[in-house]
Protein backbone atom coordinates (compact mmCIF):
# COMPACT_ATOMS: atom_id res chain seq x y z
CA MET A 1 17.36 -5.39 12.24
CA ASP A 2 20.42 -6.81 10.45
CA SER A 3 19.82 -7.39 6.73
CA GLU A 4 21.91 -7.38 3.57
CA PRO A 5 21.72 -4.17 1.49
CA VAL A 6 20.10 -6.01 -1.41
CA VAL A 7 17.37 -7.28 0.93
CA LEU A 8 16.74 -3.75 2.20
CA VAL A 9 16.48 -2.46 -1.37
CA LEU A 10 14.01 -5.20 -2.24
CA LEU A 11 11.94 -4.42 0.86
CA ALA A 12 11.88 -0.73 -0.11
CA LEU A 13 10.68 -1.72 -3.60
CA PHE A 14 7.94 -3.87 -2.05
CA GLY A 15 6.93 -0.78 -0.06
CA LEU A 16 6.91 1.47 -3.14
CA ALA A 17 4.83 -1.01 -5.15
CA GLY A 18 2.49 -1.47 -2.21
CA GLY A 19 1.90 2.27 -1.87
CA ILE A 20 1.12 2.61 -5.56
CA GLY A 21 -1.30 -0.29 -5.37
CA ILE A 22 -3.06 1.09 -2.28
CA THR A 23 -4.36 4.25 -3.95
CA ALA A 24 -4.40 3.12 -7.59
CA VAL A 25 -6.24 -0.19 -7.31
CA GLY A 26 -6.74 -0.96 -3.59
CA PRO A 27 -5.06 -4.33 -3.03
CA GLY A 28 -1.48 -3.12 -2.66
CA GLY A 29 -1.00 -3.10 1.09
CA VAL A 30 -0.29 -6.82 1.17
CA LEU A 31 2.99 -6.36 -0.72
CA PRO A 32 5.01 -5.04 2.28
CA THR A 33 3.70 -7.94 4.38
CA MET A 34 4.67 -10.40 1.65
CA GLY A 35 8.12 -8.85 1.33
CA MET A 36 8.84 -9.06 5.03
CA PHE A 37 7.53 -12.61 5.25
CA LEU A 38 9.65 -13.78 2.32
CA LEU A 39 12.84 -11.79 2.91
CA THR A 40 13.25 -11.50 6.69
CA GLY A 41 13.35 -13.88 9.61
CA LEU A 42 10.70 -12.01 11.56
CA SER A 43 8.01 -13.92 13.44
CA PRO A 44 4.39 -13.66 12.25
CA ALA A 45 3.79 -10.97 14.88
CA GLY A 46 6.97 -9.16 13.81
CA VAL A 47 5.94 -9.24 10.14
CA ALA A 48 2.40 -8.05 10.79
CA GLY A 49 3.38 -5.52 13.45
CA THR A 50 6.12 -3.93 11.35
CA ALA A 51 3.96 -3.90 8.22
CA ILE A 52 0.95 -2.34 9.89
CA VAL A 53 3.04 0.56 11.22
CA THR A 54 3.78 1.60 7.63
CA HIS A 55 0.07 1.97 6.92
CA VAL A 56 -0.47 4.74 9.47
CA ALA A 57 1.18 7.37 7.26
CA THR A 58 -0.12 5.88 4.01
CA GLY A 59 -3.67 5.80 5.38
CA ILE A 60 -3.49 9.45 6.43
CA ALA A 61 -1.99 10.43 3.07
CA GLY A 62 -4.53 8.37 1.14
CA THR A 63 -7.39 9.90 3.10
CA GLY A 64 -6.01 13.37 2.44
CA VAL A 65 -5.71 12.94 -1.31
CA TYR A 66 -9.24 11.55 -1.61
CA VAL A 67 -10.57 14.47 0.43
CA ARG A 68 -8.73 16.74 -1.98
CA SER A 69 -10.19 15.01 -5.04
CA GLY A 70 -13.70 15.21 -3.56
CA GLN A 71 -14.69 11.58 -2.97
CA LEU A 72 -14.53 11.83 0.83
CA ARG A 73 -16.56 15.04 0.78
CA GLU A 74 -19.53 13.15 -0.63
CA PRO A 75 -22.04 12.27 2.14
CA ALA A 76 -22.60 8.68 0.95
CA THR A 77 -18.86 7.95 0.87
CA ARG A 78 -18.39 9.53 4.31
CA ARG A 79 -21.16 7.36 5.75
CA THR A 80 -19.55 4.21 4.39
CA ALA A 81 -16.13 5.32 5.65
CA LEU A 82 -17.50 5.96 9.16
CA VAL A 83 -19.08 2.49 9.33
CA LEU A 84 -15.85 0.87 8.15
CA ALA A 85 -13.79 2.85 10.64
CA GLY A 86 -16.13 2.04 13.50
CA THR A 87 -15.99 -1.70 12.90
CA ALA A 88 -12.19 -1.48 12.68
CA LEU A 89 -12.10 -0.51 16.34
CA VAL A 90 -13.50 -3.96 17.14
CA GLY A 91 -12.05 -6.13 14.38
CA THR A 92 -8.43 -5.00 14.42
CA PRO A 93 -7.67 -6.02 18.04
CA LEU A 94 -9.23 -9.41 17.30
CA GLY A 95 -6.90 -9.84 14.33
CA VAL A 96 -3.86 -8.90 16.42
CA GLN A 97 -4.89 -11.42 19.06
CA PHE A 98 -5.33 -14.16 16.45
CA ASN A 99 -1.85 -13.42 15.09
CA THR A 100 -0.20 -13.97 18.45
CA ALA A 101 -1.76 -17.44 18.61
CA VAL A 102 -0.62 -18.82 15.21
CA SER A 103 2.67 -20.43 14.18
CA GLY A 104 4.81 -19.29 11.27
CA ARG A 105 3.55 -22.20 9.16
CA VAL A 106 -0.11 -21.39 9.79
CA PHE A 107 0.52 -17.68 9.22
CA GLY A 108 2.12 -18.42 5.84
CA LEU A 109 -0.75 -20.64 4.75
CA LEU A 110 -3.35 -18.08 5.86
CA LEU A 111 -1.45 -15.30 4.09
CA ALA A 112 -1.27 -17.38 0.91
CA ALA A 113 -5.02 -17.97 1.10
CA ALA A 114 -5.71 -14.27 1.66
CA VAL A 115 -3.50 -13.31 -1.29
CA ALA A 116 -5.23 -15.82 -3.58
CA VAL A 117 -8.69 -14.67 -2.49
CA THR A 118 -7.69 -11.06 -3.10
CA GLY A 119 -6.47 -11.88 -6.60
CA LEU A 120 -9.80 -13.52 -7.37
CA LEU A 121 -11.71 -10.59 -5.87
CA VAL A 122 -9.83 -8.17 -8.11
CA LEU A 123 -10.85 -10.19 -11.18
CA LEU A 124 -14.46 -10.38 -9.99
CA ARG A 125 -14.43 -6.66 -9.30
CA GLU A 126 -13.32 -5.93 -12.86
CA ARG A 127 -16.14 -8.05 -14.26
CA ARG A 128 -18.61 -6.21 -12.00
CA ILE A 129 -17.31 -2.81 -13.14
CA ALA A 130 -17.46 -3.85 -16.80
CA ARG A 131 -21.09 -5.02 -16.43
CA ARG A 132 -21.99 -1.82 -14.60
CA ASP A 133 -20.42 0.32 -17.31
CA ALA A 134 -22.26 -1.61 -20.01
CA ALA A 135 -25.55 -1.06 -18.19
CA ALA A 136 -24.74 2.62 -17.48
CA ASP A 137 -25.22 1.85 -13.78
CA GLY A 138 -23.57 4.40 -11.52
CA GLY A 139 -23.46 2.05 -8.55
CA ARG A 140 -25.02 2.40 -5.13
CA GLU A 141 -24.09 2.97 -1.52
CA PRO A 142 -24.02 -0.27 0.51
CA GLY A 143 -26.34 -0.34 3.50
CA PRO A 144 -24.94 -0.02 7.02
CA LEU A 145 -25.24 -3.74 7.74
CA THR A 146 -23.42 -4.65 4.53
CA ALA A 147 -20.73 -2.03 5.12
CA GLY A 148 -20.41 -3.18 8.73
CA ALA A 149 -19.95 -6.82 7.71
CA VAL A 150 -17.30 -5.81 5.18
CA GLY A 151 -15.57 -3.57 7.73
CA LEU A 152 -15.45 -6.20 10.45
CA THR A 153 -14.21 -8.95 8.14
CA VAL A 154 -11.56 -6.73 6.61
CA SER A 155 -10.31 -5.31 9.91
CA VAL A 156 -9.88 -8.76 11.46
CA ALA A 157 -7.86 -9.90 8.43
CA ALA A 158 -5.91 -6.62 8.41
CA GLY A 159 -5.01 -6.97 12.07
CA LEU A 160 -3.94 -10.57 11.53
CA PHE A 161 -1.68 -9.90 8.54
CA GLY A 162 -0.60 -6.30 9.16
CA LEU A 163 -2.59 -4.76 6.31
CA GLY A 164 -4.12 -1.32 6.00
CA GLY A 165 -7.47 -2.55 4.74
CA PRO A 166 -7.90 -1.46 1.09
CA MET A 167 -6.51 -4.82 -0.08
CA LEU A 168 -9.82 -6.48 0.80
CA SER A 169 -12.28 -3.66 1.42
CA VAL A 170 -12.01 -2.09 -2.05
CA PRO A 171 -12.91 -5.20 -4.08
CA LEU A 172 -15.58 -6.19 -1.55
CA LEU A 173 -17.17 -2.72 -1.60
CA VAL A 174 -17.17 -2.69 -5.40
CA LEU A 175 -18.80 -6.12 -5.43
CA CYS A 176 -21.43 -4.69 -3.07
CA GLY A 177 -22.20 -1.95 -5.60
CA LEU A 178 -20.04 1.02 -4.59
CA PRO A 179 -18.16 2.72 -7.49
CA LEU A 180 -14.39 2.30 -7.53
CA LEU A 181 -13.18 5.77 -6.51
CA PRO A 182 -15.60 6.09 -3.54
CA ALA A 183 -14.58 2.56 -2.49
CA LEU A 184 -10.91 3.54 -2.61
CA ALA A 185 -11.65 6.70 -0.63
CA ALA A 186 -13.68 4.98 2.11
CA ALA A 187 -11.02 2.27 2.43
CA GLN A 188 -8.29 4.87 3.01
CA ALA A 189 -10.22 6.34 5.93
CA GLN A 190 -10.74 2.87 7.40
CA SER A 191 -7.04 2.11 7.04
CA VAL A 192 -6.10 4.98 9.37
CA VAL A 193 -8.06 3.35 12.19
CA ILE A 194 -6.84 -0.17 11.39
CA ALA A 195 -3.20 0.90 11.22
CA SER A 196 -3.35 3.04 14.36
CA VAL A 197 -5.11 0.43 16.49
CA GLY A 198 -2.94 -2.36 15.07
CA THR A 199 0.26 -0.43 15.73
CA LEU A 200 -0.72 0.05 19.37
CA GLY A 201 -1.55 -3.65 19.71
CA TYR A 202 1.66 -4.96 18.17
CA ALA A 203 3.81 -2.37 19.95
CA TRP A 204 2.28 -3.55 23.22
CA HIS A 205 3.51 -7.06 22.37
CA GLY A 206 6.96 -5.72 21.40
CA SER A 207 6.51 -6.97 17.82
CA VAL A 208 7.53 -3.90 15.78
CA ASP A 209 10.90 -3.44 14.04
CA TRP A 210 10.80 0.36 13.86
CA MET A 211 13.86 0.77 11.60
CA LEU A 212 12.51 -1.74 9.09
CA ALA A 213 9.13 0.00 9.22
CA LEU A 214 10.90 3.22 8.21
CA ILE A 215 12.80 1.56 5.35
CA VAL A 216 9.59 0.12 3.93
CA GLY A 217 7.24 2.91 4.96
CA VAL A 218 8.96 5.91 3.36
CA PRO A 219 8.86 4.52 -0.21
CA GLU A 220 5.38 3.18 0.47
CA LEU A 221 4.25 6.69 1.37
CA ALA A 222 5.77 8.03 -1.86
CA GLY A 223 3.91 5.30 -3.75
CA VAL A 224 0.58 6.46 -2.30
CA PHE A 225 0.86 9.80 -4.11
CA ILE A 226 2.02 8.12 -7.33
CA GLY A 227 -0.88 5.67 -7.19
CA TRP A 228 -3.44 8.41 -6.57
CA ARG A 229 -2.26 10.23 -9.68
CA ILE A 230 -2.44 7.00 -11.67
CA ALA A 231 -5.99 6.34 -10.45
CA HIS A 232 -7.15 9.76 -11.66
CA ALA A 233 -5.04 10.14 -14.80
CA VAL A 234 -4.90 6.86 -16.73
CA PRO A 235 -6.96 3.72 -17.29
CA VAL A 236 -5.64 1.22 -14.75
CA ARG A 237 -7.41 -1.94 -15.93
CA HIS A 238 -4.19 -3.49 -17.19
CA LEU A 239 -2.50 -2.68 -13.88
CA LYS A 240 -5.35 -4.38 -12.02
CA TYR A 241 -5.08 -7.53 -14.10
CA ALA A 242 -1.30 -7.55 -13.64
CA LEU A 243 -1.73 -7.23 -9.87
CA ALA A 244 -4.32 -10.02 -9.79
CA ALA A 245 -2.05 -12.30 -11.82
CA THR A 246 0.90 -11.50 -9.54
CA LEU A 247 -1.09 -12.27 -6.40
CA LEU A 248 -2.41 -15.55 -7.80
CA ALA A 249 1.09 -16.56 -8.91
CA LEU A 250 2.69 -15.72 -5.55
CA ALA A 251 0.06 -17.41 -3.38
CA PRO A 252 1.42 -20.96 -3.93
CA TYR A 253 4.98 -19.72 -3.33
CA LEU A 254 3.92 -18.17 -0.02
CA ALA A 255 2.27 -21.44 1.02
CA PHE A 256 5.38 -23.42 0.06
CA HIS A 257 7.73 -20.92 1.70
CA SER A 258 5.87 -21.18 4.99
């Protein structure tokens, strides 16, 4: 790794913002991937491999804080988390394999599409939550087939782009009926498996910049604890809309940059 100090600072800020987004609203893990893609000359495998390493610690921390706050001690949430984690054992290696087969141009276009879809899912999720609140509907646990389909889809995408998983799994689980905090909790547990399996896969291919992973991962880990406090302490609707708008605005730039 040989980058200008200003680039390293920006990458650390991408990591911090990503960590906050992971536990506060879910779709934050894409920010480190975006930062590395835009600011470094790493290959698609290098971007995804280095990014996914950072999610090992954040996934463990996120799982820990949601155990502490009680969501992952609820049987329904644990069942969903186990299904998501199980499918990640299959989907993540597939995503890593797909990554090694795509060019930088294709990777950029796919990442732009994933970012745009995530932004739209966040907006749809907010509408779903608002309707549920208006109807005094507490939500429901998705069935194992639904959770399995979500888990497999998310883990393939996470392996491809170097994500932890909450970016896509949280809005999808909410759209399937699961309340927000249990969805965030289950996604953290899934992200531990995705990040661990993905790290092994990309390390096997020699596609991890360990020093860069440290520079991004330490502030990202700090952001996880900040985001968890935000999720439990303040209304985060405005933050969610800001994140959705940012993702939708950056998607065309990612496509052009590729």
